[in-house]
């Protein structure tokens, strides 16, 4: 796994419940947004410290204006479609 500034972590395969333990740890440490990419369901699940999680899937665009103003990532691009 590689940790990148501002709470962005890129890593290899994680098995449940490992991603959810990491999510809780990041949120407890003060990270504003945690996004878990779920390859089985082909979706992104985004967690916040102060509101319910959000799930988006194919045909939707992930945004986190709180930490990355103007950044957009189409879900289908991550899963090899719409490049």
C-alpha atoms as a PDB file:
ATOM      1  CA  UNK A   1       0.000   0.000   0.000  1.00  0.00           C
ATOM      2  CA  UNK A   2       1.076   3.533  -0.638  1.00  0.00           C
ATOM      3  CA  UNK A   3      -0.037   6.491   1.427  1.00  0.00           C
ATOM      4  CA  UNK A   4      -0.303   9.788  -0.372  1.00  0.00           C
ATOM      5  CA  UNK A   5      -0.691  13.245   1.165  1.00  0.00           C
ATOM      6  CA  UNK A   6      -4.224  14.389   2.099  1.00  0.00           C
ATOM      7  CA  UNK A   7      -5.495  10.949   3.056  1.00  0.00           C
ATOM      8  CA  UNK A   8      -5.496   9.327  -0.364  1.00  0.00           C
ATOM      9  CA  UNK A   9      -4.404   5.713  -0.201  1.00  0.00           C
ATOM     10  CA  UNK A  10      -3.778   3.560  -3.209  1.00  0.00           C
ATOM     11  CA  UNK A  11      -3.349  -0.115  -2.614  1.00  0.00           C
ATOM     12  CA  UNK A  12      -3.699  -3.626  -3.765  1.00  0.00           C
ATOM     13  CA  UNK A  13      -6.328  -6.155  -2.856  1.00  0.00           C
ATOM     14  CA  UNK A  14      -7.969  -5.891   0.531  1.00  0.00           C
ATOM     15  CA  UNK A  15     -10.419  -8.398   1.866  1.00  0.00           C
ATOM     16  CA  UNK A  16     -13.403  -7.618   4.073  1.00  0.00           C
ATOM     17  CA  UNK A  17     -13.471  -6.448   6.794  1.00  0.00           C
ATOM     18  CA  UNK A  18     -10.048  -4.816   6.220  1.00  0.00           C
ATOM     19  CA  UNK A  19     -11.389  -1.882   4.159  1.00  0.00           C
ATOM     20  CA  UNK A  20     -14.002  -1.080   6.784  1.00  0.00           C
ATOM     21  CA  UNK A  21     -11.484  -1.164   9.622  1.00  0.00           C
ATOM     22  CA  UNK A  22      -9.310   1.230   7.624  1.00  0.00           C
ATOM     23  CA  UNK A  23     -12.319   3.493   6.949  1.00  0.00           C
ATOM     24  CA  UNK A  24     -13.072   3.762  10.653  1.00  0.00           C
ATOM     25  CA  UNK A  25      -9.425   4.455  11.464  1.00  0.00           C
ATOM     26  CA  UNK A  26      -9.157   7.195   8.844  1.00  0.00           C
ATOM     27  CA  UNK A  27     -12.383   8.888   9.937  1.00  0.00           C
ATOM     28  CA  UNK A  28     -11.337   8.722  13.590  1.00  0.00           C
ATOM     29  CA  UNK A  29      -8.005  10.318  12.614  1.00  0.00           C
ATOM     30  CA  UNK A  30      -9.803  13.287  11.056  1.00  0.00           C
ATOM     31  CA  UNK A  31      -9.803  12.393   7.353  1.00  0.00           C
ATOM     32  CA  UNK A  32     -12.688  14.252   5.670  1.00  0.00           C
ATOM     33  CA  UNK A  33     -13.556  11.756   2.923  1.00  0.00           C
ATOM     34  CA  UNK A  34     -12.816   8.043   2.510  1.00  0.00           C
ATOM     35  CA  UNK A  35     -13.719   6.338  -0.760  1.00  0.00           C
ATOM     36  CA  UNK A  36     -13.662   2.551  -1.100  1.00  0.00           C
ATOM     37  CA  UNK A  37     -13.693   1.200  -4.648  1.00  0.00           C
ATOM     38  CA  UNK A  38     -15.638  -2.070  -4.722  1.00  0.00           C
ATOM     39  CA  UNK A  39     -14.663  -4.113  -7.805  1.00  0.00           C
ATOM     40  CA  UNK A  40     -17.221  -6.853  -7.150  1.00  0.00           C
ATOM     41  CA  UNK A  41     -20.153  -4.446  -7.212  1.00  0.00           C
ATOM     42  CA  UNK A  42     -18.405  -1.990  -9.559  1.00  0.00           C
ATOM     43  CA  UNK A  43     -19.176   0.952  -7.353  1.00  0.00           C
ATOM     44  CA  UNK A  44     -17.583   3.544  -5.085  1.00  0.00           C
ATOM     45  CA  UNK A  45     -18.679   3.815  -1.464  1.00  0.00           C
ATOM     46  CA  UNK A  46     -17.778   7.170   0.068  1.00  0.00           C
ATOM     47  CA  UNK A  47     -17.695   7.667   3.823  1.00  0.00           C
ATOM     48  CA  UNK A  48     -17.806  10.949   5.747  1.00  0.00           C
ATOM     49  CA  UNK A  49     -17.387  11.668   9.458  1.00  0.00           C
ATOM     50  CA  UNK A  50     -20.600  13.688   9.700  1.00  0.00           C
ATOM     51  CA  UNK A  51     -23.138  12.153   7.291  1.00  0.00           C
ATOM     52  CA  UNK A  52     -24.274   8.797   5.906  1.00  0.00           C
ATOM     53  CA  UNK A  53     -22.188   6.906   3.376  1.00  0.00           C
ATOM     54  CA  UNK A  54     -22.938   7.369  -0.312  1.00  0.00           C
ATOM     55  CA  UNK A  55     -22.752   4.651  -2.976  1.00  0.00           C
ATOM     56  CA  UNK A  56     -22.450   5.441  -6.676  1.00  0.00           C
ATOM     57  CA  UNK A  57     -22.193   3.053  -9.596  1.00  0.00           C
ATOM     58  CA  UNK A  58     -21.762   2.790 -13.323  1.00  0.00           C
ATOM     59  CA  UNK A  59     -22.945   5.876 -15.181  1.00  0.00           C
ATOM     60  CA  UNK A  60     -22.224   8.164 -12.217  1.00  0.00           C
ATOM     61  CA  UNK A  61     -19.317  10.481 -11.451  1.00  0.00           C
ATOM     62  CA  UNK A  62     -17.396  10.566  -8.154  1.00  0.00           C
ATOM     63  CA  UNK A  63     -16.654  14.012  -6.752  1.00  0.00           C
ATOM     64  CA  UNK A  64     -15.207  15.174  -3.456  1.00  0.00           C
ATOM     65  CA  UNK A  65     -15.305  18.948  -3.692  1.00  0.00           C
ATOM     66  CA  UNK A  66     -14.413  19.224   0.012  1.00  0.00           C
ATOM     67  CA  UNK A  67     -10.892  17.938  -0.648  1.00  0.00           C
ATOM     68  CA  UNK A  68     -10.427  17.969  -4.445  1.00  0.00           C
ATOM     69  CA  UNK A  69     -12.308  20.925  -5.958  1.00  0.00           C
ATOM     70  CA  UNK A  70     -13.012  20.324  -9.643  1.00  0.00           C
ATOM     71  CA  UNK A  71     -11.875  16.684  -9.647  1.00  0.00           C
ATOM     72  CA  UNK A  72     -14.243  14.194 -11.275  1.00  0.00           C
ATOM     73  CA  UNK A  73     -13.856  10.451 -11.800  1.00  0.00           C
ATOM     74  CA  UNK A  74     -16.454   8.561 -13.852  1.00  0.00           C
ATOM     75  CA  UNK A  75     -17.031   5.181 -12.207  1.00  0.00           C
ATOM     76  CA  UNK A  76     -17.005   3.343 -15.549  1.00  0.00           C
ATOM     77  CA  UNK A  77     -13.501   4.681 -16.260  1.00  0.00           C
ATOM     78  CA  UNK A  78     -12.141   2.855 -13.226  1.00  0.00           C
ATOM     79  CA  UNK A  79     -13.672  -0.434 -14.347  1.00  0.00           C
ATOM     80  CA  UNK A  80     -12.374  -0.272 -17.914  1.00  0.00           C
ATOM     81  CA  UNK A  81     -15.322   1.248 -19.694  1.00  0.00           C
ATOM     82  CA  UNK A  82     -15.666   4.708 -21.172  1.00  0.00           C
ATOM     83  CA  UNK A  83     -11.968   5.448 -21.536  1.00  0.00           C
END
